[in-house]
N, C-alpha and C. Protein backbone atom coordinates (compact mmCIF):
# COMPACT_ATOMS: atom_id res chain seq x y z
N MET A 1 0.83 -1.20 0.00
CA MET A 1 0.00 0.00 0.00
C MET A 1 0.87 1.25 0.00
N GLN A 2 0.46 2.24 -0.79
CA GLN A 2 1.26 3.44 -0.91
C GLN A 2 1.12 4.36 0.30
N SER A 3 -0.10 4.52 0.81
CA SER A 3 -0.32 5.38 1.97
C SER A 3 -1.25 4.66 2.92
N LEU A 4 -0.69 4.02 3.91
CA LEU A 4 -1.47 3.17 4.80
C LEU A 4 -2.42 3.99 5.67
N ALA A 5 -3.70 3.64 5.59
CA ALA A 5 -4.70 4.23 6.46
C ALA A 5 -5.33 3.12 7.28
N ILE A 6 -5.56 3.39 8.56
CA ILE A 6 -6.18 2.41 9.44
C ILE A 6 -7.45 2.98 10.03
N PHE A 7 -8.53 2.22 9.92
CA PHE A 7 -9.83 2.61 10.44
C PHE A 7 -10.26 1.65 11.54
N PRO A 8 -10.86 2.17 12.59
CA PRO A 8 -11.46 1.28 13.60
C PRO A 8 -12.74 0.70 13.04
N LEU A 9 -13.29 -0.30 13.71
CA LEU A 9 -14.55 -0.90 13.29
C LEU A 9 -15.63 -0.45 14.26
N PHE A 10 -16.63 0.25 13.74
CA PHE A 10 -17.67 0.84 14.57
C PHE A 10 -19.01 0.12 14.41
N TYR A 11 -19.89 0.38 15.36
CA TYR A 11 -21.28 -0.06 15.29
C TYR A 11 -22.10 1.02 14.60
N LEU A 12 -22.68 0.72 13.44
CA LEU A 12 -23.45 1.71 12.68
C LEU A 12 -22.70 3.04 12.61
N PRO A 13 -21.56 3.06 11.93
CA PRO A 13 -20.66 4.23 11.95
C PRO A 13 -21.34 5.52 11.49
N PRO A 14 -20.78 6.65 11.89
CA PRO A 14 -21.32 7.94 11.45
C PRO A 14 -21.04 8.19 9.97
N VAL A 15 -21.76 9.13 9.40
CA VAL A 15 -21.62 9.45 7.97
C VAL A 15 -20.19 9.83 7.63
N GLY A 16 -19.53 10.61 8.51
CA GLY A 16 -18.18 11.05 8.24
C GLY A 16 -17.19 9.91 8.09
N TYR A 17 -17.45 8.81 8.74
CA TYR A 17 -16.60 7.62 8.64
C TYR A 17 -16.52 7.16 7.20
N PHE A 18 -17.66 7.11 6.53
CA PHE A 18 -17.70 6.63 5.15
C PHE A 18 -17.14 7.66 4.17
N SER A 19 -17.24 8.93 4.53
CA SER A 19 -16.61 9.96 3.71
C SER A 19 -15.09 9.80 3.71
N HIS A 20 -14.53 9.47 4.87
CA HIS A 20 -13.09 9.23 4.95
C HIS A 20 -12.70 7.95 4.20
N LEU A 21 -13.52 6.91 4.34
CA LEU A 21 -13.23 5.68 3.61
C LEU A 21 -13.15 5.93 2.11
N LYS A 22 -14.05 6.76 1.62
CA LYS A 22 -14.08 7.07 0.19
C LYS A 22 -12.76 7.68 -0.29
N ASP A 23 -12.14 8.46 0.58
CA ASP A 23 -10.89 9.13 0.21
C ASP A 23 -9.76 8.14 -0.08
N PHE A 24 -9.88 6.93 0.47
CA PHE A 24 -8.80 5.95 0.32
C PHE A 24 -9.18 4.77 -0.56
N GLU A 25 -10.42 4.78 -1.07
CA GLU A 25 -10.90 3.69 -1.91
C GLU A 25 -10.62 2.35 -1.21
N ALA A 26 -9.76 1.51 -1.79
CA ALA A 26 -9.46 0.20 -1.18
C ALA A 26 -8.13 0.22 -0.43
N ASP A 27 -7.55 1.40 -0.29
CA ASP A 27 -6.20 1.50 0.28
C ASP A 27 -6.26 1.77 1.78
N PHE A 28 -6.83 0.83 2.54
CA PHE A 28 -6.93 0.99 3.99
C PHE A 28 -7.05 -0.38 4.65
N LEU A 29 -6.82 -0.39 5.96
CA LEU A 29 -6.99 -1.61 6.76
C LEU A 29 -7.99 -1.35 7.87
N ILE A 30 -8.74 -2.38 8.25
CA ILE A 30 -9.62 -2.32 9.41
C ILE A 30 -8.85 -2.83 10.61
N GLU A 31 -8.84 -2.04 11.68
CA GLU A 31 -8.09 -2.41 12.90
C GLU A 31 -8.77 -3.57 13.62
N ARG A 32 -7.99 -4.60 13.87
CA ARG A 32 -8.51 -5.78 14.57
C ARG A 32 -7.74 -6.07 15.84
N GLU A 33 -6.54 -5.52 15.96
CA GLU A 33 -5.65 -5.88 17.06
C GLU A 33 -5.59 -4.85 18.18
N GLU A 34 -6.29 -3.74 18.04
CA GLU A 34 -6.25 -2.71 19.08
C GLU A 34 -6.98 -3.18 20.34
N HIS A 35 -6.66 -2.54 21.45
CA HIS A 35 -7.40 -2.78 22.68
C HIS A 35 -8.72 -2.02 22.62
N PHE A 36 -9.73 -2.63 23.18
CA PHE A 36 -11.06 -2.02 23.17
C PHE A 36 -11.04 -0.69 23.92
N VAL A 37 -11.65 0.32 23.31
CA VAL A 37 -11.72 1.65 23.90
C VAL A 37 -13.17 1.95 24.25
N LYS A 38 -13.45 2.21 25.51
CA LYS A 38 -14.81 2.49 25.94
C LYS A 38 -15.25 3.87 25.51
N GLN A 39 -16.57 4.08 25.51
CA GLN A 39 -17.20 5.36 25.19
C GLN A 39 -16.75 5.88 23.82
N THR A 40 -16.81 5.01 22.84
CA THR A 40 -16.52 5.39 21.46
C THR A 40 -17.57 4.77 20.55
N TYR A 41 -17.46 5.04 19.28
CA TYR A 41 -18.38 4.47 18.30
C TYR A 41 -18.20 2.95 18.14
N ARG A 42 -17.20 2.38 18.77
CA ARG A 42 -16.98 0.93 18.61
C ARG A 42 -18.20 0.13 19.07
N ASN A 43 -18.88 0.61 20.06
CA ASN A 43 -20.11 -0.07 20.50
C ASN A 43 -21.23 0.94 20.72
N ARG A 44 -21.19 2.03 19.95
CA ARG A 44 -22.18 3.09 20.13
C ARG A 44 -22.52 3.74 18.79
N ALA A 45 -23.78 4.06 18.62
CA ALA A 45 -24.23 4.80 17.43
C ALA A 45 -25.14 5.93 17.88
N VAL A 46 -25.16 7.01 17.10
CA VAL A 46 -26.01 8.15 17.43
C VAL A 46 -27.04 8.34 16.32
N VAL A 47 -28.31 8.30 16.69
CA VAL A 47 -29.40 8.45 15.73
C VAL A 47 -30.26 9.65 16.14
N TYR A 48 -31.22 10.00 15.28
CA TYR A 48 -32.07 11.18 15.49
C TYR A 48 -33.42 10.75 16.03
N SER A 49 -33.65 11.00 17.31
CA SER A 49 -34.92 10.64 17.93
C SER A 49 -35.83 11.87 17.96
N PRO A 50 -37.10 11.71 18.35
CA PRO A 50 -37.99 12.88 18.45
C PRO A 50 -37.47 13.94 19.42
N ASN A 51 -36.60 13.53 20.34
CA ASN A 51 -36.06 14.48 21.33
C ASN A 51 -34.63 14.92 21.02
N GLY A 52 -34.14 14.57 19.84
CA GLY A 52 -32.79 14.95 19.47
C GLY A 52 -31.88 13.73 19.37
N PRO A 53 -30.56 13.93 19.47
CA PRO A 53 -29.63 12.80 19.33
C PRO A 53 -29.85 11.74 20.40
N LEU A 54 -29.86 10.48 19.96
CA LEU A 54 -30.04 9.36 20.87
C LEU A 54 -28.88 8.39 20.69
N HIS A 55 -28.23 8.03 21.79
CA HIS A 55 -27.10 7.10 21.74
C HIS A 55 -27.59 5.68 21.96
N LEU A 56 -27.29 4.81 21.00
CA LEU A 56 -27.60 3.39 21.13
C LEU A 56 -26.29 2.66 21.45
N ILE A 57 -26.25 1.97 22.56
CA ILE A 57 -25.01 1.36 23.04
C ILE A 57 -25.15 -0.16 23.09
N VAL A 58 -24.22 -0.84 22.45
CA VAL A 58 -24.18 -2.30 22.51
C VAL A 58 -23.46 -2.68 23.81
N PRO A 59 -24.13 -3.36 24.72
CA PRO A 59 -23.47 -3.70 25.99
C PRO A 59 -22.42 -4.78 25.80
N VAL A 60 -21.31 -4.64 26.49
CA VAL A 60 -20.24 -5.64 26.42
C VAL A 60 -19.99 -6.20 27.81
N LEU A 61 -19.41 -7.38 27.88
CA LEU A 61 -19.13 -8.00 29.16
C LEU A 61 -18.17 -7.13 29.97
N LYS A 62 -18.31 -7.15 31.27
CA LYS A 62 -17.51 -6.26 32.13
C LYS A 62 -16.02 -6.51 32.01
N GLY A 63 -15.63 -7.67 31.53
CA GLY A 63 -14.21 -7.95 31.38
C GLY A 63 -13.56 -7.19 30.24
N ALA A 64 -14.38 -6.50 29.44
CA ALA A 64 -13.84 -5.77 28.29
C ALA A 64 -13.22 -4.45 28.75
N LYS A 65 -11.99 -4.54 29.21
CA LYS A 65 -11.28 -3.34 29.66
C LYS A 65 -10.15 -3.04 28.67
N MET A 66 -9.32 -2.13 29.04
CA MET A 66 -8.28 -1.64 28.12
C MET A 66 -7.37 -2.74 27.61
N HIS A 67 -7.21 -3.81 28.35
CA HIS A 67 -6.27 -4.86 27.94
C HIS A 67 -6.92 -5.90 27.03
N THR A 68 -8.22 -5.76 26.76
CA THR A 68 -8.91 -6.72 25.91
C THR A 68 -8.86 -6.28 24.46
N LYS A 69 -8.38 -7.14 23.59
CA LYS A 69 -8.34 -6.79 22.18
C LYS A 69 -9.75 -6.68 21.62
N MET A 70 -9.91 -5.75 20.68
CA MET A 70 -11.22 -5.51 20.09
C MET A 70 -11.84 -6.79 19.54
N LYS A 71 -11.05 -7.61 18.91
CA LYS A 71 -11.58 -8.84 18.30
C LYS A 71 -12.05 -9.85 19.34
N ASP A 72 -11.66 -9.65 20.62
CA ASP A 72 -12.01 -10.60 21.68
C ASP A 72 -13.13 -10.09 22.60
N VAL A 73 -13.60 -8.88 22.34
CA VAL A 73 -14.64 -8.30 23.20
C VAL A 73 -15.97 -9.01 22.95
N LYS A 74 -16.58 -9.49 24.03
CA LYS A 74 -17.84 -10.21 23.91
C LYS A 74 -19.03 -9.30 24.23
N ILE A 75 -20.09 -9.51 23.48
CA ILE A 75 -21.33 -8.78 23.72
C ILE A 75 -22.04 -9.37 24.92
N SER A 76 -22.60 -8.50 25.73
CA SER A 76 -23.40 -8.97 26.86
C SER A 76 -24.86 -9.08 26.43
N ASN A 77 -25.38 -10.29 26.47
CA ASN A 77 -26.78 -10.52 26.11
C ASN A 77 -27.63 -10.84 27.33
N ASP A 78 -27.24 -10.25 28.48
CA ASP A 78 -27.97 -10.48 29.72
C ASP A 78 -29.39 -9.90 29.66
N PHE A 79 -29.57 -8.86 28.86
CA PHE A 79 -30.92 -8.33 28.63
C PHE A 79 -31.09 -8.13 27.13
N ASP A 80 -32.30 -7.95 26.70
CA ASP A 80 -32.60 -7.92 25.26
C ASP A 80 -32.35 -6.54 24.68
N TRP A 81 -31.06 -6.17 24.60
CA TRP A 81 -30.69 -4.87 24.06
C TRP A 81 -31.04 -4.74 22.58
N GLN A 82 -31.03 -5.88 21.85
CA GLN A 82 -31.35 -5.81 20.42
C GLN A 82 -32.79 -5.36 20.20
N ARG A 83 -33.67 -5.88 21.01
CA ARG A 83 -35.08 -5.45 20.91
C ARG A 83 -35.20 -3.97 21.24
N LEU A 84 -34.48 -3.52 22.25
CA LEU A 84 -34.51 -2.10 22.63
C LEU A 84 -34.00 -1.22 21.50
N HIS A 85 -32.88 -1.64 20.88
CA HIS A 85 -32.32 -0.86 19.77
C HIS A 85 -33.29 -0.82 18.60
N TRP A 86 -33.90 -1.97 18.30
CA TRP A 86 -34.81 -2.01 17.17
C TRP A 86 -36.04 -1.13 17.41
N LYS A 87 -36.58 -1.18 18.61
CA LYS A 87 -37.73 -0.32 18.93
C LYS A 87 -37.35 1.15 18.82
N SER A 88 -36.13 1.47 19.24
CA SER A 88 -35.65 2.86 19.14
C SER A 88 -35.51 3.28 17.68
N LEU A 89 -34.95 2.40 16.86
CA LEU A 89 -34.79 2.70 15.44
C LEU A 89 -36.15 2.87 14.77
N GLU A 90 -37.10 2.04 15.16
CA GLU A 90 -38.45 2.17 14.60
C GLU A 90 -39.07 3.52 14.97
N SER A 91 -38.94 3.91 16.23
CA SER A 91 -39.55 5.18 16.66
C SER A 91 -38.86 6.37 15.99
N CYS A 92 -37.59 6.21 15.67
CA CYS A 92 -36.84 7.29 15.01
C CYS A 92 -37.12 7.36 13.51
N TYR A 93 -37.28 6.21 12.87
CA TYR A 93 -37.26 6.20 11.40
C TYR A 93 -38.45 5.53 10.73
N ARG A 94 -39.43 5.08 11.48
CA ARG A 94 -40.59 4.44 10.87
C ARG A 94 -41.25 5.34 9.83
N ASN A 95 -41.22 6.64 10.06
CA ASN A 95 -41.84 7.58 9.13
C ASN A 95 -40.89 8.15 8.09
N SER A 96 -39.66 7.64 8.05
CA SER A 96 -38.71 8.11 7.04
C SER A 96 -39.06 7.48 5.69
N ALA A 97 -38.52 8.06 4.64
CA ALA A 97 -38.90 7.65 3.29
C ALA A 97 -38.48 6.23 2.93
N TYR A 98 -37.36 5.74 3.54
CA TYR A 98 -36.80 4.48 3.08
C TYR A 98 -36.64 3.42 4.17
N PHE A 99 -37.20 3.64 5.34
CA PHE A 99 -37.05 2.63 6.39
C PHE A 99 -37.60 1.28 5.94
N GLU A 100 -38.77 1.27 5.36
CA GLU A 100 -39.37 0.01 4.92
C GLU A 100 -38.59 -0.63 3.78
N TYR A 101 -37.89 0.19 3.01
CA TYR A 101 -37.07 -0.31 1.89
C TYR A 101 -35.96 -1.22 2.41
N TYR A 102 -35.39 -0.87 3.57
CA TYR A 102 -34.27 -1.63 4.14
C TYR A 102 -34.68 -2.56 5.28
N GLU A 103 -35.86 -2.41 5.77
CA GLU A 103 -36.27 -3.03 7.03
C GLU A 103 -36.06 -4.55 7.09
N ASP A 104 -36.52 -5.26 6.08
CA ASP A 104 -36.47 -6.72 6.13
C ASP A 104 -35.05 -7.25 6.27
N GLU A 105 -34.12 -6.69 5.51
CA GLU A 105 -32.72 -7.14 5.59
C GLU A 105 -32.06 -6.66 6.87
N PHE A 106 -32.35 -5.44 7.24
CA PHE A 106 -31.68 -4.83 8.38
C PHE A 106 -32.11 -5.46 9.71
N PHE A 107 -33.33 -5.93 9.76
CA PHE A 107 -33.87 -6.47 11.01
C PHE A 107 -33.08 -7.67 11.52
N ARG A 108 -32.41 -8.39 10.64
CA ARG A 108 -31.69 -9.59 11.09
C ARG A 108 -30.59 -9.27 12.09
N PHE A 109 -30.07 -8.06 12.05
CA PHE A 109 -29.02 -7.68 13.00
C PHE A 109 -29.58 -7.48 14.41
N TYR A 110 -30.91 -7.47 14.52
CA TYR A 110 -31.55 -7.30 15.82
C TYR A 110 -32.37 -8.53 16.20
N GLU A 111 -32.18 -9.58 15.43
CA GLU A 111 -32.82 -10.86 15.69
C GLU A 111 -31.79 -11.95 15.91
N GLN A 112 -30.74 -11.95 15.09
CA GLN A 112 -29.67 -12.94 15.21
C GLN A 112 -28.73 -12.58 16.37
N LYS A 113 -28.36 -13.56 17.17
CA LYS A 113 -27.46 -13.32 18.28
C LYS A 113 -26.00 -13.44 17.84
N PHE A 114 -25.17 -12.55 18.34
CA PHE A 114 -23.74 -12.56 18.07
C PHE A 114 -22.99 -12.63 19.40
N ASP A 115 -21.88 -13.35 19.41
CA ASP A 115 -21.08 -13.46 20.63
C ASP A 115 -20.06 -12.33 20.75
N PHE A 116 -19.44 -11.96 19.62
CA PHE A 116 -18.34 -10.99 19.64
C PHE A 116 -18.74 -9.69 18.95
N LEU A 117 -18.36 -8.58 19.58
CA LEU A 117 -18.66 -7.26 19.04
C LEU A 117 -18.04 -7.07 17.66
N PHE A 118 -16.81 -7.53 17.49
CA PHE A 118 -16.13 -7.34 16.20
C PHE A 118 -16.89 -8.05 15.09
N ASP A 119 -17.32 -9.26 15.34
CA ASP A 119 -18.07 -10.02 14.33
C ASP A 119 -19.39 -9.33 14.00
N TYR A 120 -20.04 -8.84 15.02
CA TYR A 120 -21.31 -8.15 14.83
C TYR A 120 -21.12 -6.89 13.97
N ASN A 121 -20.14 -6.07 14.36
CA ASN A 121 -19.86 -4.85 13.61
C ASN A 121 -19.45 -5.16 12.18
N MET A 122 -18.72 -6.26 12.00
CA MET A 122 -18.24 -6.62 10.67
C MET A 122 -19.39 -7.00 9.76
N GLU A 123 -20.34 -7.75 10.28
CA GLU A 123 -21.49 -8.14 9.48
C GLU A 123 -22.31 -6.91 9.08
N ILE A 124 -22.47 -6.00 10.00
CA ILE A 124 -23.20 -4.77 9.69
C ILE A 124 -22.43 -3.94 8.66
N MET A 125 -21.11 -3.86 8.82
CA MET A 125 -20.30 -3.07 7.89
C MET A 125 -20.42 -3.60 6.47
N ARG A 126 -20.35 -4.90 6.32
CA ARG A 126 -20.48 -5.49 4.97
C ARG A 126 -21.84 -5.15 4.36
N TRP A 127 -22.88 -5.20 5.18
CA TRP A 127 -24.21 -4.87 4.69
C TRP A 127 -24.30 -3.40 4.29
N LEU A 128 -23.74 -2.53 5.12
CA LEU A 128 -23.77 -1.09 4.83
C LEU A 128 -23.02 -0.77 3.53
N LEU A 129 -21.85 -1.36 3.35
CA LEU A 129 -21.08 -1.12 2.13
C LEU A 129 -21.86 -1.58 0.90
N LYS A 130 -22.57 -2.68 1.04
CA LYS A 130 -23.40 -3.17 -0.06
C LYS A 130 -24.49 -2.17 -0.41
N GLN A 131 -25.14 -1.60 0.60
CA GLN A 131 -26.20 -0.62 0.35
C GLN A 131 -25.66 0.66 -0.28
N LEU A 132 -24.41 0.98 0.03
CA LEU A 132 -23.78 2.18 -0.52
C LEU A 132 -23.08 1.90 -1.85
N LYS A 133 -23.28 0.67 -2.38
CA LYS A 133 -22.72 0.27 -3.67
C LYS A 133 -21.20 0.37 -3.70
N LYS A 134 -20.58 0.02 -2.58
CA LYS A 134 -19.12 0.05 -2.51
C LYS A 134 -18.60 -1.39 -2.53
N ASN A 135 -17.96 -1.73 -3.62
CA ASN A 135 -17.41 -3.08 -3.78
C ASN A 135 -15.97 -3.10 -3.28
N VAL A 136 -15.83 -3.25 -1.96
CA VAL A 136 -14.53 -3.17 -1.31
C VAL A 136 -14.20 -4.50 -0.64
N MET A 137 -13.02 -5.02 -0.90
CA MET A 137 -12.55 -6.22 -0.22
C MET A 137 -11.85 -5.77 1.07
N LEU A 138 -12.48 -6.01 2.19
CA LEU A 138 -11.95 -5.53 3.46
C LEU A 138 -10.74 -6.35 3.90
N GLU A 139 -9.70 -5.66 4.31
CA GLU A 139 -8.50 -6.29 4.84
C GLU A 139 -8.26 -5.80 6.26
N PHE A 140 -7.60 -6.63 7.07
CA PHE A 140 -7.46 -6.34 8.49
C PHE A 140 -6.01 -6.29 8.92
N THR A 141 -5.77 -5.59 10.02
CA THR A 141 -4.43 -5.54 10.58
C THR A 141 -4.08 -6.91 11.18
N ALA A 142 -2.82 -7.28 11.07
CA ALA A 142 -2.34 -8.54 11.66
C ALA A 142 -1.65 -8.29 12.99
N GLU A 143 -1.32 -7.03 13.25
CA GLU A 143 -0.71 -6.62 14.50
C GLU A 143 -1.03 -5.15 14.72
N TYR A 144 -0.82 -4.70 15.95
CA TYR A 144 -1.09 -3.29 16.23
C TYR A 144 0.07 -2.44 15.73
N MET A 145 -0.23 -1.48 14.87
CA MET A 145 0.81 -0.61 14.30
C MET A 145 0.58 0.82 14.75
N GLU A 146 1.65 1.55 14.90
CA GLU A 146 1.56 2.95 15.26
C GLU A 146 2.81 3.69 14.79
N GLY A 147 2.85 4.98 15.01
CA GLY A 147 4.01 5.77 14.63
C GLY A 147 4.13 5.92 13.12
N GLN A 148 5.35 5.82 12.63
CA GLN A 148 5.62 6.04 11.21
C GLN A 148 5.03 4.96 10.31
N ASP A 149 4.63 3.84 10.90
CA ASP A 149 4.03 2.78 10.08
C ASP A 149 2.63 3.13 9.61
N VAL A 150 2.01 4.12 10.26
CA VAL A 150 0.64 4.50 9.92
C VAL A 150 0.63 5.94 9.41
N VAL A 151 0.27 6.11 8.16
CA VAL A 151 0.25 7.45 7.57
C VAL A 151 -1.04 8.19 7.94
N HIS A 152 -2.15 7.48 7.88
CA HIS A 152 -3.45 8.08 8.21
C HIS A 152 -4.13 7.22 9.28
N ASP A 153 -4.19 7.74 10.49
CA ASP A 153 -4.71 6.98 11.62
C ASP A 153 -6.05 7.55 12.07
N PHE A 154 -7.13 6.79 11.84
CA PHE A 154 -8.46 7.25 12.22
C PHE A 154 -8.98 6.58 13.49
N ARG A 155 -8.13 5.86 14.19
CA ARG A 155 -8.57 5.10 15.34
C ARG A 155 -9.00 5.98 16.50
N LYS A 156 -8.45 7.18 16.61
CA LYS A 156 -8.80 8.07 17.71
C LYS A 156 -9.51 9.34 17.23
N SER A 157 -9.32 9.70 15.97
CA SER A 157 -9.82 10.99 15.49
C SER A 157 -11.33 11.01 15.26
N ILE A 158 -11.93 9.85 14.95
CA ILE A 158 -13.38 9.81 14.72
C ILE A 158 -14.05 9.46 16.04
N HIS A 159 -14.58 10.48 16.69
CA HIS A 159 -15.15 10.29 18.03
C HIS A 159 -16.33 11.24 18.20
N PHE A 160 -17.37 10.76 18.85
CA PHE A 160 -18.58 11.59 18.99
C PHE A 160 -18.35 12.82 19.86
N LYS A 161 -17.26 12.87 20.61
CA LYS A 161 -16.97 14.03 21.44
C LYS A 161 -16.13 15.08 20.71
N ASN A 162 -15.60 14.71 19.55
CA ASN A 162 -14.78 15.65 18.81
C ASN A 162 -15.65 16.70 18.13
N PRO A 163 -15.23 17.98 18.14
CA PRO A 163 -16.00 19.01 17.45
C PRO A 163 -15.99 18.77 15.94
N LEU A 164 -17.09 19.14 15.30
CA LEU A 164 -17.23 18.89 13.87
C LEU A 164 -17.09 20.18 13.07
N ASN A 165 -16.61 20.03 11.85
CA ASN A 165 -16.67 21.12 10.89
C ASN A 165 -18.01 20.98 10.17
N ILE A 166 -18.99 21.72 10.64
CA ILE A 166 -20.37 21.55 10.16
C ILE A 166 -20.46 21.77 8.66
N SER A 167 -19.62 22.64 8.12
CA SER A 167 -19.68 22.95 6.69
C SER A 167 -19.37 21.74 5.81
N GLU A 168 -18.76 20.71 6.40
CA GLU A 168 -18.43 19.51 5.62
C GLU A 168 -19.67 18.68 5.33
N PHE A 169 -20.76 18.93 6.05
CA PHE A 169 -21.95 18.10 5.93
C PHE A 169 -23.11 18.90 5.34
N LYS A 170 -23.44 18.60 4.10
CA LYS A 170 -24.55 19.28 3.44
C LYS A 170 -25.86 18.77 4.02
N PRO A 171 -26.76 19.66 4.42
CA PRO A 171 -28.03 19.22 5.02
C PRO A 171 -28.86 18.36 4.06
N TYR A 172 -29.51 17.36 4.61
CA TYR A 172 -30.49 16.57 3.88
C TYR A 172 -31.71 16.45 4.78
N PHE A 173 -32.83 16.04 4.23
CA PHE A 173 -34.06 15.95 5.02
C PHE A 173 -33.92 14.90 6.11
N GLN A 174 -34.30 15.25 7.33
CA GLN A 174 -34.36 14.32 8.46
C GLN A 174 -35.76 14.39 9.05
N VAL A 175 -36.24 13.27 9.56
CA VAL A 175 -37.63 13.15 10.00
C VAL A 175 -38.02 14.24 11.01
N PHE A 176 -37.13 14.53 11.94
CA PHE A 176 -37.48 15.46 13.01
C PHE A 176 -36.74 16.80 12.90
N ASP A 177 -36.30 17.15 11.70
CA ASP A 177 -35.54 18.40 11.59
C ASP A 177 -36.42 19.64 11.81
N ASP A 178 -37.73 19.47 11.76
CA ASP A 178 -38.61 20.61 12.06
C ASP A 178 -38.59 20.94 13.55
N ARG A 179 -38.11 20.00 14.37
CA ARG A 179 -38.04 20.22 15.82
C ARG A 179 -36.68 20.71 16.27
N ASN A 180 -35.63 20.08 15.73
CA ASN A 180 -34.28 20.38 16.22
C ASN A 180 -33.30 20.80 15.13
N GLY A 181 -33.81 20.99 13.90
CA GLY A 181 -32.93 21.38 12.81
C GLY A 181 -32.10 20.20 12.30
N PHE A 182 -31.23 20.47 11.36
CA PHE A 182 -30.38 19.43 10.80
C PHE A 182 -29.27 19.06 11.78
N ILE A 183 -29.11 17.77 12.04
CA ILE A 183 -28.03 17.29 12.90
C ILE A 183 -27.05 16.52 12.03
N PRO A 184 -25.81 17.00 11.88
CA PRO A 184 -24.85 16.36 10.99
C PRO A 184 -24.14 15.17 11.61
N ASN A 185 -23.63 14.32 10.74
CA ASN A 185 -22.74 13.23 11.13
C ASN A 185 -23.36 12.25 12.11
N LEU A 186 -24.64 11.97 11.93
CA LEU A 186 -25.26 10.91 12.70
C LEU A 186 -24.89 9.56 12.09
N SER A 187 -25.41 8.49 12.64
CA SER A 187 -25.15 7.17 12.08
C SER A 187 -25.54 7.12 10.61
N ILE A 188 -24.82 6.34 9.86
CA ILE A 188 -25.08 6.18 8.43
C ILE A 188 -26.52 5.73 8.17
N VAL A 189 -27.15 5.05 9.13
CA VAL A 189 -28.53 4.62 8.90
C VAL A 189 -29.48 5.82 8.85
N ASP A 190 -29.12 6.93 9.49
CA ASP A 190 -29.93 8.13 9.38
C ASP A 190 -29.97 8.59 7.93
N LEU A 191 -28.83 8.56 7.28
CA LEU A 191 -28.75 8.94 5.86
C LEU A 191 -29.48 7.92 4.99
N LEU A 192 -29.25 6.64 5.23
CA LEU A 192 -29.89 5.60 4.42
C LEU A 192 -31.41 5.65 4.52
N PHE A 193 -31.92 5.74 5.73
CA PHE A 193 -33.38 5.71 5.91
C PHE A 193 -34.06 6.96 5.36
N ASN A 194 -33.33 8.06 5.30
CA ASN A 194 -33.91 9.30 4.78
C ASN A 194 -33.64 9.52 3.30
N GLN A 195 -32.52 9.03 2.79
CA GLN A 195 -32.14 9.29 1.40
C GLN A 195 -32.13 8.04 0.52
N GLY A 196 -32.13 6.87 1.13
CA GLY A 196 -32.17 5.64 0.35
C GLY A 196 -30.98 5.47 -0.57
N PRO A 197 -31.21 4.97 -1.79
CA PRO A 197 -30.12 4.73 -2.75
C PRO A 197 -29.32 5.99 -3.10
N GLN A 198 -29.90 7.17 -2.85
CA GLN A 198 -29.18 8.41 -3.14
C GLN A 198 -28.06 8.68 -2.13
N SER A 199 -28.00 7.87 -1.07
CA SER A 199 -26.99 8.08 -0.04
C SER A 199 -25.58 8.01 -0.61
N LYS A 200 -25.38 7.16 -1.60
CA LYS A 200 -24.08 7.02 -2.23
C LYS A 200 -23.61 8.36 -2.81
N LEU A 201 -24.52 9.08 -3.42
CA LEU A 201 -24.17 10.38 -4.03
C LEU A 201 -23.83 11.40 -2.96
N TYR A 202 -24.51 11.32 -1.81
CA TYR A 202 -24.23 12.27 -0.73
C TYR A 202 -22.81 12.09 -0.22
N ILE A 203 -22.39 10.83 -0.07
CA ILE A 203 -21.05 10.55 0.45
C ILE A 203 -19.99 10.83 -0.60
């Protein structure tokens, strides 16, 4: 690879994540060997609810601390979080233009049980890339790399707490924008459910 870029693997990543992916086409790696980082998009997505931004969090077992590799982090299925997430997504997007267009395929991620967060995120990522018409063969890191070995490192820079350059995100219709205005860089499903197949052009 001429300019190595490394991306973390997120749960329902934000729109900006895919904009960065586009910049590198197939010239990037998905991080698999990093230690799990709490309070990040790795197990969290932000969607547009009637009351504004809503954080959906995939629960992980308490043993998932800094020393646990991302690929080894297990999902906690002690309560039915998938049903909760699906009900939240329905309340947020049932009235969007394209929710029903994707619903049947998308629902399986909230019906099928997964043991590992990485596997779950990976299955969702493959589905998302398919909907965005991106024919990318995903490759993964074999070891944790840092420093001069990484030219473009997105493992820490894409974070819901980081300030955004709002001008980078052109407004599109959102179900509840009459209440709270346009909210940029939400989960990619916000774009998909509102814009459908046109989402590819937006990115």
